Amino acid sequence: MTPTSLSQYDCIFFDFDGVIADSVDAKITAFGALYDEFGSEVRQAVEDYQRAVPGETRFDKIPRFHRDLLNINLTKEEVLHWCDKLSSIVLDEVVKTELLPDVPEILFMLTRRGIPAHIVSGTPHDELQIIVDRKGLGPFFRTARGAPEKKASIVDDIMHTAGLGADQCLFVGDAMTDYNCAVECEMAFLGRVTPSMNPFPQGTRVVSQLGEYFLAEETEQARSQTTRSKAA
């Protein structure tokens, strides 16, 4: 569904990497470092996949990388071990990343207008809590939830708890996992894209900076007030 005016929504769901924080490259580098011991070709294949499918959880990616690139089938315990290794590499790097342009203004605006915001991420839940806390983002989000719980399950639970209908909600993401979540939950979707990466179906509403959508109403109001002041 194509998003309408922001005033139509009572709840906003945000992915984290590449939407709130400029952390996509940090994740790519971390995944590459995790597989560095297996050689440059494996590392490059891992980084290429992470670049192409940024929103997929590591609980799915790591067993796939081992199976497809190394011919190794990991047990559940081994998957958790490799996920922990990745967390030790990536955590500090993600915390150090900057928020994307317009994000601070958007978060203050949503708080001022009383519009609840939630983070729904493929990052492991416990790791996400540390990142959100260390970046000082906690006051701006009602919840921040991550893997291994699936995004659609998280969104459905929040909507049910808050008594919200899908038409009252907007999902903002940068990957097809986010788009598919919005489709599954039957809600509007806004894609955040870069000049080199637009993975979404034709007709999807996208922006390069979130302020193009979230701050448009306030920008237009400010322009109107300026025009009226000059006319007076």
C-alpha atoms as a PDB file:
ATOM      1  CA  MET A   1       0.000   0.000   0.000  1.00  0.00           C
ATOM      2  CA  THR A   2       1.229   3.491  -0.874  1.00  0.00           C
ATOM      3  CA  PRO A   3       1.559   5.774   2.159  1.00  0.00           C
ATOM      4  CA  THR A   4      -0.750   8.748   2.459  1.00  0.00           C
ATOM      5  CA  SER A   5      -0.256  11.856   4.590  1.00  0.00           C
ATOM      6  CA  LEU A   6       1.587  11.267   7.870  1.00  0.00           C
ATOM      7  CA  SER A   7      -1.436  12.636   9.721  1.00  0.00           C
ATOM      8  CA  GLN A   8      -3.348   9.491   8.706  1.00  0.00           C
ATOM      9  CA  TYR A   9      -1.162   7.224  10.845  1.00  0.00           C
ATOM     10  CA  ASP A  10      -1.240   6.464  14.549  1.00  0.00           C
ATOM     11  CA  CYS A  11       1.863   4.268  14.662  1.00  0.00           C
ATOM     12  CA  ILE A  12       5.148   4.078  12.737  1.00  0.00           C
ATOM     13  CA  PHE A  13       7.355   0.988  12.480  1.00  0.00           C
ATOM     14  CA  PHE A  14      11.010   1.530  11.550  1.00  0.00           C
ATOM     15  CA  ASP A  15      13.694  -0.893  10.508  1.00  0.00           C
ATOM     16  CA  PHE A  16      17.025   0.111  12.065  1.00  0.00           C
ATOM     17  CA  ASP A  17      20.081  -0.428   9.848  1.00  0.00           C
ATOM     18  CA  GLY A  18      19.939   1.875   6.837  1.00  0.00           C
ATOM     19  CA  VAL A  19      16.787   3.605   8.098  1.00  0.00           C
ATOM     20  CA  ILE A  20      17.575   5.014  11.533  1.00  0.00           C
ATOM     21  CA  ALA A  21      21.364   4.568  11.579  1.00  0.00           C
ATOM     22  CA  ASP A  22      23.926   4.652   8.785  1.00  0.00           C
ATOM     23  CA  SER A  23      25.091   1.176   9.806  1.00  0.00           C
ATOM     24  CA  VAL A  24      24.657  -0.889   6.631  1.00  0.00           C
ATOM     25  CA  ASP A  25      28.348  -0.706   5.667  1.00  0.00           C
ATOM     26  CA  ALA A  26      29.380  -1.584   9.227  1.00  0.00           C
ATOM     27  CA  LYS A  27      27.292  -4.755   9.017  1.00  0.00           C
ATOM     28  CA  ILE A  28      28.764  -5.667   5.618  1.00  0.00           C
ATOM     29  CA  THR A  29      32.300  -5.284   6.928  1.00  0.00           C
ATOM     30  CA  ALA A  30      31.490  -7.257  10.077  1.00  0.00           C
ATOM     31  CA  PHE A  31      30.035 -10.182   8.137  1.00  0.00           C
ATOM     32  CA  GLY A  32      33.127 -10.183   5.916  1.00  0.00           C
ATOM     33  CA  ALA A  33      35.446 -10.192   8.934  1.00  0.00           C
ATOM     34  CA  LEU A  34      33.529 -13.122  10.415  1.00  0.00           C
ATOM     35  CA  TYR A  35      34.402 -15.252   7.384  1.00  0.00           C
ATOM     36  CA  ASP A  36      37.879 -13.847   6.743  1.00  0.00           C
ATOM     37  CA  GLU A  37      39.571 -17.047   7.961  1.00  0.00           C
ATOM     38  CA  PHE A  38      38.016 -18.956   5.037  1.00  0.00           C
ATOM     39  CA  GLY A  39      39.706 -16.894   2.340  1.00  0.00           C
ATOM     40  CA  SER A  40      39.083 -13.837   0.211  1.00  0.00           C
ATOM     41  CA  GLU A  41      36.590 -15.498  -2.165  1.00  0.00           C
ATOM     42  CA  VAL A  42      34.344 -16.611   0.684  1.00  0.00           C
ATOM     43  CA  ARG A  43      34.604 -13.221   2.365  1.00  0.00           C
ATOM     44  CA  GLN A  44      33.676 -11.461  -0.881  1.00  0.00           C
ATOM     45  CA  ALA A  45      30.684 -13.766  -1.444  1.00  0.00           C
ATOM     46  CA  VAL A  46      29.463 -13.097   2.104  1.00  0.00           C
ATOM     47  CA  GLU A  47      29.838  -9.335   1.721  1.00  0.00           C
ATOM     48  CA  ASP A  48      28.092  -9.380  -1.664  1.00  0.00           C
ATOM     49  CA  TYR A  49      25.128 -11.264  -0.202  1.00  0.00           C
ATOM     50  CA  GLN A  50      24.930  -8.978   2.830  1.00  0.00           C
ATOM     51  CA  ARG A  51      24.973  -5.981   0.500  1.00  0.00           C
ATOM     52  CA  ALA A  52      22.169  -7.447  -1.623  1.00  0.00           C
ATOM     53  CA  VAL A  53      20.002  -8.772   1.244  1.00  0.00           C
ATOM     54  CA  PRO A  54      20.653  -6.476   4.212  1.00  0.00           C
ATOM     55  CA  GLY A  55      17.432  -7.122   6.095  1.00  0.00           C
ATOM     56  CA  GLU A  56      17.655 -10.887   6.489  1.00  0.00           C
ATOM     57  CA  THR A  57      18.490 -12.019  10.014  1.00  0.00           C
ATOM     58  CA  ARG A  58      21.905 -13.496  10.783  1.00  0.00           C
ATOM     59  CA  PHE A  59      20.159 -16.547  12.247  1.00  0.00           C
ATOM     60  CA  ASP A  60      19.231 -17.394   8.653  1.00  0.00           C
ATOM     61  CA  LYS A  61      22.316 -16.029   6.872  1.00  0.00           C
ATOM     62  CA  ILE A  62      25.037 -17.751   8.859  1.00  0.00           C
ATOM     63  CA  PRO A  63      23.800 -21.331   8.361  1.00  0.00           C
ATOM     64  CA  ARG A  64      23.258 -20.511   4.667  1.00  0.00           C
ATOM     65  CA  PHE A  65      26.803 -19.167   4.283  1.00  0.00           C
ATOM     66  CA  HIS A  66      28.283 -22.229   5.952  1.00  0.00           C
ATOM     67  CA  ARG A  67      26.144 -24.616   3.924  1.00  0.00           C
ATOM     68  CA  ASP A  68      26.455 -22.971   0.515  1.00  0.00           C
ATOM     69  CA  LEU A  69      30.011 -21.624   0.691  1.00  0.00           C
ATOM     70  CA  LEU A  70      31.759 -24.082   3.022  1.00  0.00           C
ATOM     71  CA  ASN A  71      29.641 -27.234   2.694  1.00  0.00           C
ATOM     72  CA  ILE A  72      29.161 -27.241   6.479  1.00  0.00           C
ATOM     73  CA  ASN A  73      25.789 -27.865   8.147  1.00  0.00           C
ATOM     74  CA  LEU A  74      25.719 -26.087  11.489  1.00  0.00           C
ATOM     75  CA  THR A  75      23.787 -27.286  14.503  1.00  0.00           C
ATOM     76  CA  LYS A  76      21.536 -24.812  16.331  1.00  0.00           C
ATOM     77  CA  GLU A  77      24.188 -24.445  19.023  1.00  0.00           C
ATOM     78  CA  GLU A  78      26.861 -23.746  16.414  1.00  0.00           C
ATOM     79  CA  VAL A  79      24.654 -21.123  14.736  1.00  0.00           C
ATOM     80  CA  LEU A  80      24.301 -19.344  18.080  1.00  0.00           C
ATOM     81  CA  HIS A  81      28.077 -19.534  18.577  1.00  0.00           C
ATOM     82  CA  TRP A  82      28.722 -17.879  15.203  1.00  0.00           C
ATOM     83  CA  CYS A  83      26.036 -15.270  15.888  1.00  0.00           C
ATOM     84  CA  ASP A  84      27.789 -14.427  19.158  1.00  0.00           C
ATOM     85  CA  LYS A  85      31.091 -14.077  17.278  1.00  0.00           C
ATOM     86  CA  LEU A  86      29.444 -11.657  14.870  1.00  0.00           C
ATOM     87  CA  SER A  87      27.962  -9.647  17.745  1.00  0.00           C
ATOM     88  CA  SER A  88      31.414  -9.207  19.279  1.00  0.00           C
ATOM     89  CA  ILE A  89      32.633  -7.764  15.968  1.00  0.00           C
ATOM     90  CA  VAL A  90      29.689  -5.581  15.011  1.00  0.00           C
ATOM     91  CA  LEU A  91      28.340  -4.068  18.238  1.00  0.00           C
ATOM     92  CA  ASP A  92      30.852  -1.271  18.802  1.00  0.00           C
ATOM     93  CA  GLU A  93      30.966  -0.426  15.091  1.00  0.00           C
ATOM     94  CA  VAL A  94      27.186   0.025  14.872  1.00  0.00           C
ATOM     95  CA  VAL A  95      27.085   2.110  18.047  1.00  0.00           C
ATOM     96  CA  LYS A  96      29.681   4.451  16.507  1.00  0.00           C
ATOM     97  CA  THR A  97      27.675   5.021  13.311  1.00  0.00           C
ATOM     98  CA  GLU A  98      25.819   8.284  12.751  1.00  0.00           C
ATOM     99  CA  LEU A  99      22.071   8.606  12.584  1.00  0.00           C
ATOM    100  CA  LEU A 100      20.903   9.154   9.025  1.00  0.00           C
ATOM    101  CA  PRO A 101      19.981  12.682   7.849  1.00  0.00           C
ATOM    102  CA  ASP A 102      16.682  14.043   9.231  1.00  0.00           C
ATOM    103  CA  VAL A 103      16.298  11.189  11.739  1.00  0.00           C
ATOM    104  CA  PRO A 104      16.814  13.302  14.916  1.00  0.00           C
ATOM    105  CA  GLU A 105      14.297  15.890  13.682  1.00  0.00           C
ATOM    106  CA  ILE A 106      11.812  13.171  12.751  1.00  0.00           C
ATOM    107  CA  LEU A 107      12.070  11.449  16.132  1.00  0.00           C
ATOM    108  CA  PHE A 108      11.550  14.732  17.992  1.00  0.00           C
ATOM    109  CA  MET A 109       8.608  15.556  15.722  1.00  0.00           C
ATOM    110  CA  LEU A 110       6.907  12.192  16.252  1.00  0.00           C
ATOM    111  CA  THR A 111       7.399  12.513  20.015  1.00  0.00           C
ATOM    112  CA  ARG A 112       5.984  16.038  19.988  1.00  0.00           C
ATOM    113  CA  ARG A 113       2.944  14.900  18.014  1.00  0.00           C
ATOM    114  CA  GLY A 114       2.398  11.858  20.209  1.00  0.00           C
ATOM    115  CA  ILE A 115       2.787   9.345  17.357  1.00  0.00           C
ATOM    116  CA  PRO A 116       4.218   6.081  18.743  1.00  0.00           C
ATOM    117  CA  ALA A 117       7.304   4.707  16.977  1.00  0.00           C
ATOM    118  CA  HIS A 118       8.728   1.191  17.172  1.00  0.00           C
ATOM    119  CA  ILE A 119      11.956  -0.384  15.902  1.00  0.00           C
ATOM    120  CA  VAL A 120      11.486  -3.755  14.177  1.00  0.00           C
ATOM    121  CA  SER A 121      14.870  -5.157  13.214  1.00  0.00           C
ATOM    122  CA  GLY A 122      16.630  -8.293  12.030  1.00  0.00           C
ATOM    123  CA  THR A 123      19.363  -7.571  14.602  1.00  0.00           C
ATOM    124  CA  PRO A 124      19.308  -9.993  17.564  1.00  0.00           C
ATOM    125  CA  HIS A 125      16.985  -8.617  20.222  1.00  0.00           C
ATOM    126  CA  ASP A 126      19.479  -8.373  23.086  1.00  0.00           C
ATOM    127  CA  GLU A 127      22.096  -6.737  20.865  1.00  0.00           C
ATOM    128  CA  LEU A 128      19.493  -4.254  19.614  1.00  0.00           C
ATOM    129  CA  GLN A 129      18.679  -3.202  23.192  1.00  0.00           C
ATOM    130  CA  ILE A 130      22.349  -2.378  23.836  1.00  0.00           C
ATOM    131  CA  ILE A 131      22.633  -0.399  20.591  1.00  0.00           C
ATOM    132  CA  VAL A 132      19.463   1.601  21.212  1.00  0.00           C
ATOM    133  CA  ASP A 133      20.508   2.345  24.794  1.00  0.00           C
ATOM    134  CA  ARG A 134      24.079   3.344  23.942  1.00  0.00           C
ATOM    135  CA  LYS A 135      22.903   5.596  21.107  1.00  0.00           C
ATOM    136  CA  GLY A 136      20.415   7.327  23.429  1.00  0.00           C
ATOM    137  CA  LEU A 137      17.395   6.390  21.314  1.00  0.00           C
ATOM    138  CA  GLY A 138      15.290   4.731  24.001  1.00  0.00           C
ATOM    139  CA  PRO A 139      13.087   7.770  24.790  1.00  0.00           C
ATOM    140  CA  PHE A 140      11.945   8.012  21.167  1.00  0.00           C
ATOM    141  CA  PHE A 141      10.650   4.451  20.716  1.00  0.00           C
ATOM    142  CA  ARG A 142       7.889   2.598  22.549  1.00  0.00           C
ATOM    143  CA  THR A 143       9.623  -0.707  21.780  1.00  0.00           C
ATOM    144  CA  ALA A 144      12.700  -2.008  19.964  1.00  0.00           C
ATOM    145  CA  ARG A 145      12.421  -5.677  19.038  1.00  0.00           C
ATOM    146  CA  GLY A 146      14.636  -7.965  17.005  1.00  0.00           C
ATOM    147  CA  ALA A 147      15.508 -11.484  15.892  1.00  0.00           C
ATOM    148  CA  PRO A 148      14.968 -14.353  16.106  1.00  0.00           C
ATOM    149  CA  GLU A 149      11.310 -13.258  16.219  1.00  0.00           C
ATOM    150  CA  LYS A 150      10.078 -12.551  12.691  1.00  0.00           C
ATOM    151  CA  LYS A 151       9.205  -8.971  11.770  1.00  0.00           C
ATOM    152  CA  ALA A 152       5.595  -9.686  10.840  1.00  0.00           C
ATOM    153  CA  SER A 153       5.058 -11.472  14.141  1.00  0.00           C
ATOM    154  CA  ILE A 154       6.461  -8.480  16.041  1.00  0.00           C
ATOM    155  CA  VAL A 155       4.287  -6.021  14.128  1.00  0.00           C
ATOM    156  CA  ASP A 156       1.135  -8.124  14.550  1.00  0.00           C
ATOM    157  CA  ASP A 157       1.759  -8.390  18.294  1.00  0.00           C
ATOM    158  CA  ILE A 158       2.245  -4.635  18.706  1.00  0.00           C
ATOM    159  CA  MET A 159      -0.861  -3.833  16.665  1.00  0.00           C
ATOM    160  CA  HIS A 160      -2.930  -6.338  18.647  1.00  0.00           C
ATOM    161  CA  THR A 161      -1.670  -5.015  22.000  1.00  0.00           C
ATOM    162  CA  ALA A 162      -2.294  -1.389  21.020  1.00  0.00           C
ATOM    163  CA  GLY A 163      -5.648  -2.102  19.379  1.00  0.00           C
ATOM    164  CA  LEU A 164      -4.486  -0.740  16.030  1.00  0.00           C
ATOM    165  CA  GLY A 165      -5.688  -1.608  12.547  1.00  0.00           C
ATOM    166  CA  ALA A 166      -3.251  -2.042   9.675  1.00  0.00           C
ATOM    167  CA  ASP A 167      -4.640   1.096   8.006  1.00  0.00           C
ATOM    168  CA  GLN A 168      -3.442   3.116  10.998  1.00  0.00           C
ATOM    169  CA  CYS A 169       0.184   2.022  10.636  1.00  0.00           C
ATOM    170  CA  LEU A 170       3.163   2.687   8.371  1.00  0.00           C
ATOM    171  CA  PHE A 171       6.285   0.554   7.987  1.00  0.00           C
ATOM    172  CA  VAL A 172       9.541   2.241   6.935  1.00  0.00           C
ATOM    173  CA  GLY A 173      12.385   0.079   5.663  1.00  0.00           C
ATOM    174  CA  ASP A 174      15.248  -0.277   3.220  1.00  0.00           C
ATOM    175  CA  ALA A 175      15.050  -3.971   2.267  1.00  0.00           C
ATOM    176  CA  MET A 176      12.634  -6.460   0.781  1.00  0.00           C
ATOM    177  CA  THR A 177      12.278  -8.124   4.185  1.00  0.00           C
ATOM    178  CA  ASP A 178      10.717  -4.863   5.370  1.00  0.00           C
ATOM    179  CA  TYR A 179       8.509  -4.558   2.293  1.00  0.00           C
ATOM    180  CA  ASN A 180       7.355  -8.173   2.654  1.00  0.00           C
ATOM    181  CA  CYS A 181       6.530  -7.559   6.309  1.00  0.00           C
ATOM    182  CA  ALA A 182       4.344  -4.590   5.371  1.00  0.00           C
ATOM    183  CA  VAL A 183       2.593  -6.647   2.671  1.00  0.00           C
ATOM    184  CA  GLU A 184       2.009  -9.556   5.055  1.00  0.00           C
ATOM    185  CA  CYS A 185       0.597  -7.184   7.667  1.00  0.00           C
ATOM    186  CA  GLU A 186      -1.446  -5.329   5.002  1.00  0.00           C
ATOM    187  CA  MET A 187      -0.084  -1.895   5.888  1.00  0.00           C
ATOM    188  CA  ALA A 188       1.437   0.996   3.967  1.00  0.00           C
ATOM    189  CA  PHE A 189       5.151   0.949   3.235  1.00  0.00           C
ATOM    190  CA  LEU A 190       7.739   3.672   2.657  1.00  0.00           C
ATOM    191  CA  GLY A 191      11.114   2.644   1.236  1.00  0.00           C
ATOM    192  CA  ARG A 192      14.353   4.378   2.065  1.00  0.00           C
ATOM    193  CA  VAL A 193      16.733   3.954  -0.878  1.00  0.00           C
ATOM    194  CA  THR A 194      20.155   5.060  -2.075  1.00  0.00           C
ATOM    195  CA  PRO A 195      21.049   5.985  -5.667  1.00  0.00           C
ATOM    196  CA  SER A 196      22.706   2.585  -6.120  1.00  0.00           C
ATOM    197  CA  MET A 197      20.110   0.420  -4.381  1.00  0.00           C
ATOM    198  CA  ASN A 198      16.350   0.350  -4.900  1.00  0.00           C
ATOM    199  CA  PRO A 199      15.186  -3.234  -4.359  1.00  0.00           C
ATOM    200  CA  PHE A 200      11.475  -2.485  -4.331  1.00  0.00           C
ATOM    201  CA  PRO A 201       8.788  -3.250  -6.929  1.00  0.00           C
ATOM    202  CA  GLN A 202       7.912  -0.536  -9.401  1.00  0.00           C
ATOM    203  CA  GLY A 203       5.365   1.868  -7.945  1.00  0.00           C
ATOM    204  CA  THR A 204       6.648   1.629  -4.369  1.00  0.00           C
ATOM    205  CA  ARG A 205       6.940   5.056  -2.783  1.00  0.00           C
ATOM    206  CA  VAL A 206      10.587   5.666  -1.916  1.00  0.00           C
ATOM    207  CA  VAL A 207      12.723   8.511  -0.577  1.00  0.00           C
ATOM    208  CA  SER A 208      16.469   8.997  -0.283  1.00  0.00           C
ATOM    209  CA  GLN A 209      16.061  10.924   2.968  1.00  0.00           C
ATOM    210  CA  LEU A 210      13.178  10.288   5.352  1.00  0.00           C
ATOM    211  CA  GLY A 211      12.563  13.998   5.776  1.00  0.00           C
ATOM    212  CA  GLU A 212      11.195  14.082   2.226  1.00  0.00           C
ATOM    213  CA  TYR A 213       8.136  12.343   3.636  1.00  0.00           C
ATOM    214  CA  PHE A 214       8.095  12.905   7.397  1.00  0.00           C
ATOM    215  CA  LEU A 215       8.987  16.585   7.436  1.00  0.00           C
ATOM    216  CA  ALA A 216       7.118  17.591   4.274  1.00  0.00           C
ATOM    217  CA  GLU A 217       3.969  18.754   6.098  1.00  0.00           C
ATOM    218  CA  GLU A 218       5.886  20.917   8.569  1.00  0.00           C
ATOM    219  CA  THR A 219       8.056  22.346   5.778  1.00  0.00           C
ATOM    220  CA  GLU A 220       4.971  23.251   3.772  1.00  0.00           C
ATOM    221  CA  GLN A 221       3.320  24.844   6.825  1.00  0.00           C
ATOM    222  CA  ALA A 222       6.446  26.915   7.458  1.00  0.00           C
ATOM    223  CA  ARG A 223       6.459  28.078   3.838  1.00  0.00           C
ATOM    224  CA  SER A 224       2.794  29.040   4.049  1.00  0.00           C
ATOM    225  CA  GLN A 225       3.374  31.014   7.231  1.00  0.00           C
ATOM    226  CA  THR A 226       6.312  32.821   5.629  1.00  0.00           C
ATOM    227  CA  THR A 227       4.193  33.650   2.576  1.00  0.00           C
ATOM    228  CA  ARG A 228       1.350  34.987   4.748  1.00  0.00           C
ATOM    229  CA  SER A 229       3.793  37.085   6.785  1.00  0.00           C
ATOM    230  CA  LYS A 230       5.255  38.632   3.645  1.00  0.00           C
ATOM    231  CA  ALA A 231       1.788  39.325   2.268  1.00  0.00           C
ATOM    232  CA  ALA A 232       0.783  41.060   5.470  1.00  0.00           C
END
